[in-house]
Amino acid sequence: MNDEYIVAHVQRKIGGNPHKCTCDCETRPINIHVHENGGEHIRWSGNNHSWMCKANFKRALKYTYLCTDTNTLHHCTSNCCLEPIPNEDHILVCPISGVQWNNETEVVRSWKLTSKCVPTITSDKRDPNMFSRNVHGVVQTTTLNIKEEACKREVKRILHLLVGSEQRRHHELEKFKIGRQTAFKHVNRYVKISKPDGVINISTILNIYISECFNRPNFLRIIHFYKDKLDIITQKIYPAIMKLWNTVKTPRQFSIDVFIPAVLYIMQRGVRVQNYQIIERIPEFDIMLPDANTLDDFNIVKSTFTQTKNSIRMCIRHLLQSHSPYELQQKLN
C-alpha cells in the first residue's frame, strides 16, 4: 500500500471538491496512520476503530494537509506540484507545508537546518550623500558614509523594536499576566492548606503574590528610563557593529537586520580572550533586551538569529588563528 493509494483512498472517503491549493488556501495538518490487523487498514480523523493502537501501528504519512474550504488533501513530496514561494529565510518552500525539497528535506524555522540559501548581494546605488543633505538638497559640510549611516539607523530601529516598541510593552504585560495567574494559584493553595488550622496569615499571602508576580523581572516599570538612552547607546555601539560587519566574512549570507540583533545579544556578555576584550560588554543589555527565546514575537526568526550568532563567534575563532588577541582587539574596537 503506497502513499499515493492511501491519499487517493482517504480523498474518496472524505469527499469534497478537490482543487489545486495555493498559498491563499487555509489548511490544517491531518494525521493519516496505517495499522495492520490481518491486513493493512488506514486511520484518519473520523475513521478510528477501537482495535487501532500502538501495538498494531505500522507507519504514518508525513506532510499531509487538508484544505478546510474544499476538503482537498495535499501530500507534500519531492514531486510537489505546487509552485514554491520564498520564506523569511529566503528559501523556496512549499506554500502549504513550508518544506523545502532539493535532494534533501528540511523543515524550515526549526532546529534541523541542513542547508541555507545565500541571498544575492546587491550593491547600494543610492545617493551616497542622501543622509547629508538638508531640506533644500544641498550637501552639508560634513559628509556621511551611506553604509555607516544606514547601519546606524538600523541599529536604532532594532533597539527601539526590542526596548521601546508596543511589541515589547505587550510582551512585558503578558509576562506579568502569566506571573499573576501563577500567584493566584499559589495563594489559593496556601489558603486551602491553612483553612483547617483556622489561621490565614495575610502577610504570607502578600509575600507569595508579590514573589510570583515579579519572579521574572518586569521591564515595563523602567522602560521609560532606557527608552530615552537609545540615541546615546546607538552612537556608542554602531561603530563596533560596523567594524565587525566589515571584518567577518561568513555572516554575509545573512542580512544586516539579523546580523545586528545577533551582535546585540553577543554584547550582553561580550567576548574576552586572554584578558583582551574582543567585543565590548554592554551591561545595560542584560536589563534592556528581552529573552532571546521570545524573538519570534518581534518578527526576528529565531533559527536564523541563532545561526548568525554562532557564525560570528566561529569567524572570531578563525581570525584568532591569524591574529593575536591584541591585534583583533585593536581591529574591532
Protein backbone atom coordinates (compact mmCIF):
# COMPACT_ATOMS: atom_id res chain seq x y z
CA MET A 1 0.00 0.00 0.00
CA ASN A 2 1.91 3.07 -1.26
CA ASP A 3 1.39 6.69 -0.28
CA GLU A 4 -0.45 7.66 -3.47
CA TYR A 5 -3.03 4.92 -2.95
CA ILE A 6 -3.53 5.94 0.69
CA VAL A 7 -4.04 9.62 -0.20
CA ALA A 8 -6.45 8.73 -3.03
CA HIS A 9 -8.40 6.39 -0.74
CA VAL A 10 -8.75 8.98 2.02
CA GLN A 11 -9.73 11.64 -0.56
CA ARG A 12 -12.55 9.40 -1.86
CA LYS A 13 -13.81 8.74 1.65
CA ILE A 14 -13.90 12.37 2.84
CA GLY A 15 -15.33 13.63 -0.47
CA GLY A 16 -15.20 17.36 -1.03
CA ASN A 17 -14.35 19.35 -4.13
CA PRO A 18 -10.66 18.68 -4.92
CA HIS A 19 -8.69 21.56 -6.42
CA LYS A 20 -5.08 22.77 -6.70
CA CYS A 21 -4.28 24.58 -3.45
CA THR A 22 -2.35 27.85 -3.31
CA CYS A 23 -0.72 29.89 -0.54
CA ASP A 24 -4.09 31.66 -0.06
CA CYS A 25 -5.84 28.44 0.99
CA GLU A 26 -6.48 27.81 4.67
CA THR A 27 -5.11 24.38 5.55
CA ARG A 28 -4.56 22.24 8.61
CA PRO A 29 -2.44 19.13 9.22
CA ILE A 30 -4.25 15.79 9.06
CA ASN A 31 -2.90 12.63 10.70
CA ILE A 32 -3.04 9.54 8.47
CA HIS A 33 -1.80 6.31 10.04
CA VAL A 34 -1.54 2.76 8.70
CA HIS A 35 -2.39 -0.11 11.07
CA GLU A 36 -2.05 -3.86 10.50
CA ASN A 37 -4.59 -6.37 11.77
CA GLY A 38 -4.97 -9.22 9.33
CA GLY A 39 -4.24 -6.73 6.59
CA GLU A 40 -3.39 -3.05 6.31
CA HIS A 41 -6.00 -0.53 7.45
CA ILE A 42 -5.93 3.26 7.11
CA ARG A 43 -6.80 5.52 10.03
CA TRP A 44 -7.56 9.23 9.94
CA SER A 45 -9.79 11.65 11.83
CA GLY A 46 -13.31 10.21 11.74
CA ASN A 47 -12.17 6.70 10.85
CA ASN A 48 -10.96 5.37 14.18
CA HIS A 49 -11.60 1.84 15.39
CA SER A 50 -11.27 0.51 18.89
CA TRP A 51 -8.65 -2.08 17.90
CA MET A 52 -6.30 0.55 16.44
CA CYS A 53 -3.47 1.17 18.90
CA LYS A 54 0.31 1.49 19.15
CA ALA A 55 0.71 -2.29 19.12
CA ASN A 56 -0.55 -2.62 15.54
CA PHE A 57 0.66 0.77 14.29
CA LYS A 58 2.78 0.38 11.17
CA ARG A 59 3.63 3.82 9.78
CA ALA A 60 2.35 7.38 9.30
CA LEU A 61 2.24 9.71 6.31
CA LYS A 62 4.32 12.87 6.68
CA TYR A 63 3.47 16.36 5.41
CA THR A 64 -0.24 15.71 4.77
CA TYR A 65 -2.56 18.72 4.89
CA LEU A 66 -6.31 19.26 4.40
CA CYS A 67 -7.81 22.36 2.76
CA THR A 68 -10.60 23.46 5.11
CA ASP A 69 -12.69 25.06 2.34
CA THR A 70 -12.71 22.24 -0.22
CA ASN A 71 -11.58 19.14 1.75
CA THR A 72 -8.67 18.73 -0.67
CA LEU A 73 -5.80 16.57 0.57
CA HIS A 74 -2.28 17.79 -0.17
CA HIS A 75 0.52 15.29 0.37
CA CYS A 76 3.81 17.19 0.13
CA THR A 77 6.62 15.17 -1.51
CA SER A 78 9.70 15.84 -3.64
CA ASN A 79 7.33 15.80 -6.64
CA CYS A 80 5.14 18.52 -5.14
CA CYS A 81 3.06 20.10 -7.92
CA LEU A 82 2.67 23.48 -6.21
CA GLU A 83 4.80 26.47 -7.15
CA PRO A 84 7.34 27.11 -4.33
CA ILE A 85 7.48 30.51 -2.67
CA PRO A 86 10.33 32.22 -0.72
CA ASN A 87 10.03 32.17 3.05
CA GLU A 88 11.55 34.52 5.65
CA ASP A 89 14.92 32.73 5.33
CA HIS A 90 15.00 33.36 1.55
CA ILE A 91 14.41 29.67 0.83
CA LEU A 92 11.95 28.33 -1.76
CA VAL A 93 9.43 26.18 0.10
CA CYS A 94 6.06 24.58 -0.49
CA PRO A 95 3.33 27.21 0.20
CA ILE A 96 1.22 24.65 2.09
CA SER A 97 3.68 22.64 4.21
CA GLY A 98 6.63 25.06 4.40
CA VAL A 99 9.02 22.24 3.43
CA GLN A 100 11.99 22.63 1.08
CA TRP A 101 12.63 19.85 -1.41
CA ASN A 102 16.05 19.89 -3.09
CA ASN A 103 17.51 16.38 -2.89
CA GLU A 104 17.22 16.79 0.89
CA THR A 105 14.37 17.89 3.09
CA GLU A 106 14.39 20.47 5.85
CA VAL A 107 11.53 21.72 7.94
CA VAL A 108 12.25 25.42 7.97
CA ARG A 109 12.22 27.56 11.13
CA SER A 110 13.24 24.58 13.21
CA TRP A 111 16.47 23.40 14.83
CA LYS A 112 17.16 20.95 11.98
CA LEU A 113 18.73 23.26 9.40
CA THR A 114 20.50 21.15 6.81
CA SER A 115 21.05 23.77 4.10
CA LYS A 116 20.80 27.50 3.63
CA CYS A 117 20.21 29.61 0.55
CA VAL A 118 22.55 32.59 0.27
CA PRO A 119 20.69 35.70 -0.94
CA THR A 120 22.28 37.64 -3.74
CA ILE A 121 24.38 40.58 -2.52
CA THR A 122 23.48 43.70 -4.46
CA SER A 123 25.40 46.95 -4.44
CA ASP A 124 23.83 50.04 -2.91
CA LYS A 125 23.41 52.52 -5.76
CA ARG A 126 21.56 55.19 -3.86
CA ASP A 127 22.81 58.76 -3.46
CA PRO A 128 25.97 58.43 -1.27
CA ASN A 129 25.16 61.81 0.33
CA MET A 130 21.46 61.13 0.87
CA PHE A 131 21.81 61.39 4.66
CA SER A 132 23.97 64.53 4.45
CA ARG A 133 21.62 66.80 2.51
CA ASN A 134 19.44 69.47 4.06
CA VAL A 135 15.81 70.14 3.14
CA HIS A 136 16.92 72.01 0.02
CA GLY A 137 19.08 69.11 -1.23
CA VAL A 138 22.39 70.87 -0.53
CA VAL A 139 25.18 68.67 0.85
CA GLN A 140 26.27 69.84 4.29
CA THR A 141 29.90 70.44 5.22
CA THR A 142 30.23 67.06 6.95
CA THR A 143 29.50 64.20 4.58
CA LEU A 144 28.49 60.76 5.84
CA ASN A 145 29.16 57.28 4.51
CA ILE A 146 25.82 55.92 3.29
CA LYS A 147 26.51 52.38 4.55
CA GLU A 148 27.56 53.50 8.02
CA GLU A 149 24.61 55.88 8.34
CA ALA A 150 22.20 53.18 7.15
CA CYS A 151 23.75 50.78 9.70
CA LYS A 152 23.37 53.39 12.45
CA ARG A 153 19.70 53.91 11.63
CA GLU A 154 19.11 50.15 11.51
CA VAL A 155 20.75 49.72 14.93
CA LYS A 156 18.49 52.41 16.35
CA ARG A 157 15.40 50.85 14.74
CA ILE A 158 16.14 47.40 16.16
CA LEU A 159 16.94 48.81 19.61
CA HIS A 160 13.64 50.67 19.58
CA LEU A 161 11.84 47.48 18.48
CA LEU A 162 13.38 45.41 21.29
CA VAL A 163 13.26 48.07 24.02
CA GLY A 164 10.61 50.73 23.47
CA SER A 165 8.09 49.37 20.96
CA GLU A 166 4.49 48.33 21.51
CA GLN A 167 5.56 44.71 20.94
CA ARG A 168 7.87 44.95 23.96
CA ARG A 169 5.14 46.53 26.10
CA HIS A 170 2.72 43.79 25.11
CA HIS A 171 5.38 41.15 25.82
CA GLU A 172 6.01 42.51 29.33
CA LEU A 173 2.27 42.76 30.06
CA GLU A 174 1.80 39.13 29.02
CA LYS A 175 4.71 38.11 31.25
CA PHE A 176 3.14 39.92 34.20
CA LYS A 177 -0.27 38.36 33.42
CA ILE A 178 1.21 34.85 33.48
CA GLY A 179 3.01 35.63 36.76
CA ARG A 180 -0.21 36.93 38.32
CA GLN A 181 -2.12 33.78 37.31
CA THR A 182 0.59 31.64 38.91
CA ALA A 183 0.47 33.83 42.04
CA PHE A 184 -3.30 33.33 42.40
CA LYS A 185 -2.82 29.55 42.15
CA HIS A 186 -0.20 29.55 44.92
CA VAL A 187 -2.30 31.86 47.11
CA ASN A 188 -5.38 29.65 46.73
CA ARG A 189 -3.28 26.61 47.54
CA TYR A 190 -1.95 28.29 50.71
CA VAL A 191 -5.47 29.32 51.79
CA LYS A 192 -6.74 25.79 51.22
CA ILE A 193 -3.94 24.31 53.34
CA SER A 194 -4.33 26.90 56.13
CA LYS A 195 -8.13 26.74 56.46
CA PRO A 196 -8.23 23.60 58.63
CA ASP A 197 -5.97 25.35 61.17
CA GLY A 198 -8.23 28.41 61.20
CA VAL A 199 -5.28 30.80 60.73
CA ILE A 200 -4.58 32.58 57.43
CA ASN A 201 -1.61 34.96 57.50
CA ILE A 202 -2.24 37.98 55.26
CA SER A 203 1.46 38.86 55.18
CA THR A 204 2.29 35.41 53.84
CA ILE A 205 -0.35 35.82 51.12
CA LEU A 206 1.13 39.18 50.10
CA ASN A 207 4.65 37.72 50.03
CA ILE A 208 3.51 34.81 47.86
CA TYR A 209 1.62 37.12 45.49
CA ILE A 210 4.45 39.66 45.07
CA SER A 211 7.14 36.98 44.72
CA GLU A 212 5.29 35.12 41.98
CA CYS A 213 4.17 38.26 40.09
CA PHE A 214 7.71 39.57 39.86
CA ASN A 215 9.56 36.26 39.77
CA ARG A 216 10.62 37.18 36.22
CA PRO A 217 11.94 40.78 36.08
CA ASN A 218 9.35 43.15 34.64
CA PHE A 219 10.89 45.76 32.37
CA LEU A 220 7.67 47.74 31.97
CA ARG A 221 8.22 49.83 35.10
CA ILE A 222 11.60 51.18 33.92
CA ILE A 223 11.09 51.17 30.16
CA HIS A 224 10.86 54.97 30.05
CA PHE A 225 14.29 55.28 31.68
CA TYR A 226 16.11 53.25 28.99
CA LYS A 227 13.96 54.46 26.09
CA ASP A 228 15.49 57.93 26.46
CA LYS A 229 19.02 56.45 26.25
CA LEU A 230 18.63 54.72 22.88
CA ASP A 231 20.31 57.53 20.92
CA ILE A 232 23.35 57.54 23.23
CA ILE A 233 23.64 53.73 23.14
CA THR A 234 23.28 53.68 19.34
CA GLN A 235 26.04 56.27 18.97
CA LYS A 236 28.25 54.16 21.24
CA ILE A 237 27.83 50.70 19.68
CA TYR A 238 27.18 51.19 15.98
CA PRO A 239 30.89 51.76 15.05
CA ALA A 240 31.82 48.42 16.64
CA ILE A 241 28.96 46.67 14.81
CA MET A 242 30.07 48.22 11.51
CA LYS A 243 33.69 47.13 12.07
CA LEU A 244 32.56 43.60 12.89
CA TRP A 245 30.34 43.53 9.77
CA ASN A 246 33.28 44.61 7.60
CA THR A 247 35.72 42.16 9.23
CA VAL A 248 33.88 38.85 9.38
CA LYS A 249 33.04 37.12 6.11
CA THR A 250 30.76 34.16 6.73
CA PRO A 251 27.74 36.09 8.13
CA ARG A 252 27.42 37.93 4.82
CA GLN A 253 24.94 35.22 3.85
CA PHE A 254 22.62 36.87 6.38
CA SER A 255 21.02 40.27 6.09
CA ILE A 256 22.02 43.20 8.29
CA ASP A 257 18.65 43.19 10.08
CA VAL A 258 19.50 39.73 11.50
CA PHE A 259 23.20 40.44 11.98
CA ILE A 260 22.53 43.43 14.28
CA PRO A 261 20.30 41.58 16.82
CA ALA A 262 22.86 38.75 16.94
CA VAL A 263 25.65 41.22 17.81
CA LEU A 264 23.46 42.96 20.41
CA TYR A 265 22.95 39.68 22.26
CA ILE A 266 26.66 38.84 21.99
CA MET A 267 27.33 42.24 23.60
CA GLN A 268 25.29 41.15 26.64
CA ARG A 269 28.37 39.26 27.85
CA GLY A 270 30.94 40.40 25.32
CA VAL A 271 33.82 38.30 24.00
CA ARG A 272 37.06 38.22 26.01
CA VAL A 273 40.22 36.30 25.05
CA GLN A 274 43.25 36.29 27.37
CA ASN A 275 42.09 39.45 29.17
CA TYR A 276 41.59 41.25 25.85
CA GLN A 277 38.06 42.49 25.22
CA ILE A 278 37.41 41.49 21.58
CA ILE A 279 33.76 42.58 21.68
CA GLU A 280 32.81 45.09 24.35
CA ARG A 281 30.33 44.07 27.01
CA ILE A 282 27.34 46.41 27.41
CA PRO A 283 25.95 45.82 30.96
CA GLU A 284 22.68 47.66 30.17
CA PHE A 285 21.73 44.97 27.66
CA ASP A 286 21.21 42.45 30.47
CA ILE A 287 18.25 44.58 31.57
CA MET A 288 17.11 46.13 28.29
CA LEU A 289 16.94 43.18 25.89
CA PRO A 290 14.11 40.61 26.05
CA ASP A 291 14.75 36.89 26.39
CA ALA A 292 16.30 35.50 23.22
CA ASN A 293 13.73 32.69 23.06
CA THR A 294 10.96 35.30 22.57
CA LEU A 295 12.45 36.97 19.47
CA ASP A 296 9.78 35.44 17.25
CA ASP A 297 7.37 37.90 18.90
CA PHE A 298 9.48 40.71 17.39
CA ASN A 299 9.47 39.28 13.84
CA ILE A 300 13.06 38.02 14.16
CA VAL A 301 13.36 34.40 13.02
CA LYS A 302 14.89 32.56 15.95
CA SER A 303 16.63 29.86 13.88
CA THR A 304 18.38 32.40 11.62
CA PHE A 305 19.27 34.56 14.63
CA THR A 306 20.93 31.63 16.42
CA GLN A 307 22.83 30.54 13.34
CA THR A 308 24.06 34.10 12.72
CA LYS A 309 25.28 34.43 16.31
CA ASN A 310 27.13 31.11 16.10
CA SER A 311 28.69 32.12 12.76
CA ILE A 312 30.01 35.39 14.23
CA ARG A 313 31.69 33.51 17.08
CA MET A 314 33.09 30.98 14.60
CA CYS A 315 34.58 33.80 12.49
CA ILE A 316 36.23 35.32 15.56
CA ARG A 317 37.80 31.93 16.35
CA HIS A 318 39.13 31.73 12.78
CA LEU A 319 40.52 35.26 13.00
CA LEU A 320 42.37 34.33 16.18
CA GLN A 321 44.35 31.77 14.18
CA SER A 322 45.94 34.54 12.11
CA HIS A 323 45.80 37.45 14.60
CA SER A 324 46.80 37.80 18.21
CA PRO A 325 44.05 38.77 20.70
CA TYR A 326 45.61 42.24 21.00
CA GLU A 327 45.61 42.76 17.21
CA LEU A 328 41.99 41.60 16.95
CA GLN A 329 41.01 43.91 19.81
CA GLN A 330 42.54 46.87 18.02
CA LYS A 331 40.85 45.87 14.79
CA LEU A 332 37.34 45.55 16.19
CA ASN A 333 37.36 48.37 18.77
